[in-house]
Amino acid sequence: MSYIDLVHGWPSIAAAFMASLVEFVEALTIVLAVGAARGWRYALAGSVCAVIALAGIVALAGPALLRVPLGSVQLLIGLLALLFGMRWLRKAVLRAAGVIALHDEARAFARQSELLARAEPAPLGRIDALAFATAFQAVLLEGVEVVFIVIAVGAAGSRFLLPSLGAGAALLLVVALGAVLHRPLLRVPENTLKFAVGVLLCAFGAFWTGEGLGLAWPGADWSIAGLAIAFLLLALACVPLARNAAGKAA
């Protein structure tokens, strides 16, 4: 990989890193809750099996995706990324406006731990299916979103490596911090990251949709930065509008 590739690919790396960081933090919170309430053996076993399942999904879907014409892939992934990003951005705007509550990892950890602690313990010598399934589902679901994000920001097949680097860095960071701290990562500015990721996914989605339709963007990949600025300004303008609308409704 050349220096020029990294210079042009930094938006892909940054977008994948921030989005993956959010997803991995949420998965870590649930895995930690499972470990604290039911024991670490099946919490870790469920997490490892989910990672293996994700690797299988990538191994099957990757080659199949590369056989699809590039324009069709860009259009499909672009539309999905745009819809996905708008969903994230809508929630981020409503949180910033105070319409819905900010996501609280401490509260999520406490709630999940309480639910798991109330459940019947596994019989002695038997597999704790609840602990295994909870950890497996959390890691798998969040991991599937990470896979989609990597595909969305690297919709041209040869560019998958760059967002994969960002996602891999986020995974290593979260796993390392979780192993050291053994508690939810409360200081990660998750809601701010979701706002930024929503903007970036919308920008990438609009860019790939245009590419899939044969649109020649001015400045090529650098148009993504302009689209991101446009979506950011639009989202920031929507915050006071949402706050005022909520105030009038109340």
Protein backbone atom coordinates (compact mmCIF):
# COMPACT_ATOMS: atom_id res chain seq x y z
CA MET A 1 0.00 0.00 0.00
CA SER A 2 1.49 3.34 -1.06
CA TYR A 3 1.56 6.66 0.74
CA ILE A 4 -0.80 8.07 -1.90
CA ASP A 5 -3.32 5.30 -1.17
CA LEU A 6 -3.28 6.24 2.51
CA VAL A 7 -3.68 9.95 1.76
CA HIS A 8 -6.69 9.33 -0.45
CA GLY A 9 -8.05 6.61 1.81
CA TRP A 10 -7.96 8.40 5.18
CA PRO A 11 -11.73 9.18 5.09
CA SER A 12 -12.45 5.45 4.66
CA ILE A 13 -10.13 4.52 7.51
CA ALA A 14 -11.54 7.21 9.82
CA ALA A 15 -15.17 6.41 9.04
CA ALA A 16 -14.69 2.67 9.57
CA PHE A 17 -12.71 3.26 12.78
CA MET A 18 -15.31 5.54 14.38
CA ALA A 19 -18.31 3.46 13.33
CA SER A 20 -16.65 0.21 14.40
CA LEU A 21 -15.61 1.77 17.70
CA VAL A 22 -19.25 2.53 18.50
CA GLU A 23 -20.40 -0.98 17.60
CA PHE A 24 -17.56 -2.72 19.47
CA VAL A 25 -18.12 -0.61 22.59
CA GLU A 26 -21.78 -1.65 22.64
CA ALA A 27 -20.86 -5.30 22.15
CA LEU A 28 -18.22 -5.07 24.90
CA THR A 29 -20.78 -3.68 27.35
CA ILE A 30 -23.02 -6.71 26.89
CA VAL A 31 -20.14 -9.21 27.03
CA LEU A 32 -18.89 -7.61 30.25
CA ALA A 33 -22.40 -7.78 31.71
CA VAL A 34 -22.61 -11.47 30.82
CA GLY A 35 -19.22 -12.15 32.35
CA ALA A 36 -20.02 -10.26 35.55
CA ALA A 37 -23.44 -11.83 36.03
CA ARG A 38 -22.98 -15.37 34.70
CA GLY A 39 -19.22 -16.01 34.55
CA TRP A 40 -16.53 -15.43 31.96
CA ARG A 41 -16.27 -18.91 30.47
CA TYR A 42 -19.38 -18.80 28.31
CA ALA A 43 -19.25 -15.05 27.80
CA LEU A 44 -15.88 -15.47 26.08
CA ALA A 45 -16.95 -18.68 24.33
CA GLY A 46 -19.99 -16.97 22.83
CA SER A 47 -17.89 -14.01 21.73
CA VAL A 48 -15.26 -16.20 20.05
CA CYS A 49 -17.90 -18.27 18.23
CA ALA A 50 -19.54 -15.05 16.99
CA VAL A 51 -16.20 -13.84 15.61
CA ILE A 52 -15.73 -17.18 13.82
CA ALA A 53 -19.25 -16.91 12.37
CA LEU A 54 -18.49 -13.37 11.17
CA ALA A 55 -15.30 -14.59 9.51
CA GLY A 56 -17.36 -17.22 7.71
CA ILE A 57 -19.86 -14.61 6.54
CA VAL A 58 -17.07 -12.43 5.18
CA ALA A 59 -15.39 -15.41 3.49
CA LEU A 60 -18.63 -16.33 1.72
CA ALA A 61 -19.93 -12.86 0.91
CA GLY A 62 -16.65 -11.24 -0.14
CA PRO A 63 -15.90 -13.31 -3.27
CA ALA A 64 -19.59 -13.27 -4.26
CA LEU A 65 -19.68 -9.48 -3.98
CA LEU A 66 -16.60 -9.10 -6.16
CA ARG A 67 -18.33 -11.03 -8.97
CA VAL A 68 -21.14 -8.46 -9.16
CA PRO A 69 -20.59 -5.58 -11.63
CA LEU A 70 -18.95 -2.67 -9.81
CA GLY A 71 -21.63 -0.16 -10.79
CA SER A 72 -24.40 -2.34 -9.36
CA VAL A 73 -22.45 -2.87 -6.13
CA GLN A 74 -21.82 0.85 -5.74
CA LEU A 75 -25.48 1.71 -6.33
CA LEU A 76 -26.82 -0.93 -3.94
CA ILE A 77 -24.28 -0.29 -1.20
CA GLY A 78 -24.61 3.47 -1.69
CA LEU A 79 -28.37 3.41 -1.19
CA LEU A 80 -28.07 1.14 1.84
CA ALA A 81 -25.30 3.26 3.37
CA LEU A 82 -27.35 6.41 2.79
CA LEU A 83 -30.39 4.91 4.52
CA PHE A 84 -28.24 3.46 7.31
CA GLY A 85 -26.44 6.77 7.82
CA MET A 86 -29.68 8.76 7.85
CA ARG A 87 -31.01 6.48 10.59
CA TRP A 88 -27.90 7.09 12.71
CA LEU A 89 -27.95 10.80 11.95
CA ARG A 90 -31.64 11.17 12.78
CA LYS A 91 -31.15 9.62 16.21
CA ALA A 92 -28.00 11.71 16.79
CA VAL A 93 -29.85 14.92 15.92
CA LEU A 94 -32.73 14.02 18.25
CA ARG A 95 -30.29 13.23 21.05
CA ALA A 96 -28.43 16.49 20.51
CA ALA A 97 -31.76 18.32 20.61
CA GLY A 98 -32.74 16.61 23.86
CA VAL A 99 -35.75 14.92 22.28
CA ILE A 100 -34.52 11.42 23.13
CA ALA A 101 -32.15 10.43 25.91
CA LEU A 102 -28.42 10.10 25.32
CA HIS A 103 -27.14 6.54 25.15
CA ASP A 104 -25.70 5.58 28.54
CA GLU A 105 -23.32 2.59 28.61
CA ALA A 106 -23.37 2.48 32.43
CA ARG A 107 -27.15 2.21 32.44
CA ALA A 108 -27.10 -0.41 29.68
CA PHE A 109 -24.51 -2.43 31.61
CA ALA A 110 -26.53 -2.27 34.84
CA ARG A 111 -29.78 -3.21 33.09
CA GLN A 112 -28.25 -6.15 31.23
CA SER A 113 -26.45 -7.39 34.34
CA GLU A 114 -29.67 -7.27 36.37
CA LEU A 115 -31.63 -9.21 33.75
CA LEU A 116 -28.96 -11.89 33.52
CA ALA A 117 -28.58 -12.15 37.32
CA ARG A 118 -32.34 -12.68 37.72
CA ALA A 119 -32.38 -15.59 35.28
CA GLU A 120 -32.12 -19.16 36.54
CA PRO A 121 -28.48 -20.27 36.90
CA ALA A 122 -27.30 -23.10 34.68
CA PRO A 123 -27.31 -26.56 36.32
CA LEU A 124 -23.94 -27.60 37.68
CA GLY A 125 -21.78 -29.07 34.93
CA ARG A 126 -24.13 -27.94 32.16
CA ILE A 127 -23.56 -25.31 29.50
CA ASP A 128 -24.88 -21.87 30.44
CA ALA A 129 -26.90 -21.42 27.26
CA LEU A 130 -28.19 -17.99 28.29
CA ALA A 131 -24.69 -16.56 28.82
CA PHE A 132 -23.38 -18.11 25.61
CA ALA A 133 -26.35 -16.98 23.49
CA THR A 134 -26.38 -13.43 24.89
CA ALA A 135 -22.68 -12.87 24.21
CA PHE A 136 -22.89 -14.58 20.81
CA GLN A 137 -25.87 -12.50 19.70
CA ALA A 138 -24.36 -9.21 20.86
CA VAL A 139 -21.03 -9.74 19.11
CA LEU A 140 -22.62 -11.18 15.97
CA LEU A 141 -25.19 -8.39 15.52
CA GLU A 142 -22.72 -5.58 16.16
CA GLY A 143 -20.13 -7.37 14.02
CA VAL A 144 -22.54 -7.66 11.08
CA GLU A 145 -23.02 -3.90 11.23
CA VAL A 146 -19.24 -3.43 11.19
CA VAL A 147 -18.95 -5.70 8.13
CA PHE A 148 -21.62 -3.66 6.37
CA ILE A 149 -19.88 -0.41 7.24
CA VAL A 150 -16.56 -1.71 5.89
CA ILE A 151 -18.31 -2.68 2.65
CA ALA A 152 -20.17 0.64 2.50
CA VAL A 153 -17.09 2.84 2.80
CA GLY A 154 -15.03 0.67 0.47
CA ALA A 155 -17.63 -0.09 -2.16
CA ALA A 156 -14.97 -0.35 -4.86
CA GLY A 157 -13.64 -3.87 -4.32
CA SER A 158 -9.97 -2.91 -4.25
CA ARG A 159 -10.58 -0.43 -1.43
CA PHE A 160 -11.87 -2.86 1.20
CA LEU A 161 -8.41 -3.04 2.80
CA LEU A 162 -8.47 0.59 3.99
CA PRO A 163 -11.74 0.49 5.97
CA SER A 164 -10.76 -2.96 7.22
CA LEU A 165 -7.66 -1.37 8.77
CA GLY A 166 -9.85 1.17 10.54
CA ALA A 167 -12.25 -1.51 11.81
CA GLY A 168 -9.37 -3.72 12.92
CA ALA A 169 -7.76 -0.87 14.84
CA ALA A 170 -11.07 -0.16 16.61
CA LEU A 171 -11.45 -3.84 17.53
CA LEU A 172 -7.93 -4.08 18.95
CA LEU A 173 -8.41 -0.87 20.95
CA VAL A 174 -11.73 -1.97 22.48
CA VAL A 175 -10.52 -5.49 23.27
CA ALA A 176 -7.34 -4.15 24.88
CA LEU A 177 -9.20 -1.60 27.00
CA GLY A 178 -11.86 -4.13 27.97
CA ALA A 179 -9.21 -6.68 29.02
CA VAL A 180 -7.41 -4.09 31.13
CA LEU A 181 -10.36 -2.24 32.65
CA HIS A 182 -13.00 -5.01 32.93
CA ARG A 183 -15.75 -2.40 32.80
CA PRO A 184 -17.74 -0.51 30.15
CA LEU A 185 -15.88 2.21 28.28
CA LEU A 186 -17.89 5.08 29.75
CA ARG A 187 -15.58 7.85 28.57
CA VAL A 188 -15.88 7.04 24.88
CA PRO A 189 -17.95 9.94 23.44
CA GLU A 190 -20.36 7.49 21.84
CA ASN A 191 -23.14 9.93 20.98
CA THR A 192 -20.70 12.36 19.37
CA LEU A 193 -19.19 9.48 17.41
CA LYS A 194 -22.64 8.42 16.23
CA PHE A 195 -23.29 11.94 14.99
CA ALA A 196 -19.99 11.93 13.08
CA VAL A 197 -20.52 8.42 11.73
CA GLY A 198 -24.03 9.30 10.56
CA VAL A 199 -22.59 12.24 8.61
CA LEU A 200 -19.82 10.12 7.08
CA LEU A 201 -22.10 7.24 6.13
CA CYS A 202 -24.50 9.66 4.45
CA ALA A 203 -21.58 11.20 2.56
CA PHE A 204 -20.22 7.83 1.44
CA GLY A 205 -23.73 6.64 0.59
CA ALA A 206 -24.45 9.67 -1.57
CA PHE A 207 -21.04 9.36 -3.25
CA TRP A 208 -21.38 5.65 -4.10
CA THR A 209 -24.98 6.12 -5.24
CA GLY A 210 -23.80 8.79 -7.65
CA GLU A 211 -20.93 6.58 -8.81
CA GLY A 212 -23.35 3.71 -9.41
CA LEU A 213 -25.55 5.99 -11.51
CA GLY A 214 -22.55 7.08 -13.58
CA LEU A 215 -22.18 10.54 -12.06
CA ALA A 216 -18.71 12.08 -12.42
CA TRP A 217 -18.04 13.77 -9.08
CA PRO A 218 -15.82 16.88 -9.20
CA GLY A 219 -12.55 16.11 -7.50
CA ALA A 220 -13.29 12.37 -7.54
CA ASP A 221 -12.94 10.89 -4.01
CA TRP A 222 -12.36 14.34 -2.52
CA SER A 223 -16.05 15.02 -3.15
CA ILE A 224 -16.75 12.86 -0.11
CA ALA A 225 -15.32 15.62 2.11
CA GLY A 226 -17.63 18.19 0.52
CA LEU A 227 -20.64 15.89 0.94
CA ALA A 228 -19.71 15.28 4.58
CA ILE A 229 -19.56 19.03 5.25
CA ALA A 230 -22.94 19.50 3.57
CA PHE A 231 -24.57 16.73 5.63
CA LEU A 232 -22.93 18.06 8.82
CA LEU A 233 -24.27 21.59 8.26
CA LEU A 234 -27.72 20.21 7.46
CA ALA A 235 -27.73 18.05 10.60
CA LEU A 236 -26.55 20.93 12.81
CA ALA A 237 -29.31 23.11 11.38
CA CYS A 238 -31.86 20.41 12.22
CA VAL A 239 -30.89 20.31 15.91
CA PRO A 240 -32.55 23.62 16.94
CA LEU A 241 -35.50 22.86 14.66
CA ALA A 242 -36.07 19.53 16.41
CA ARG A 243 -35.64 21.18 19.82
CA ASN A 244 -38.20 23.87 18.99
CA ALA A 245 -40.64 21.33 17.57
CA ALA A 246 -40.35 19.23 20.71
CA GLY A 247 -40.86 22.30 22.90
CA LYS A 248 -44.04 23.27 21.05
CA ALA A 249 -45.38 19.73 21.22
CA ALA A 250 -44.80 19.69 24.99
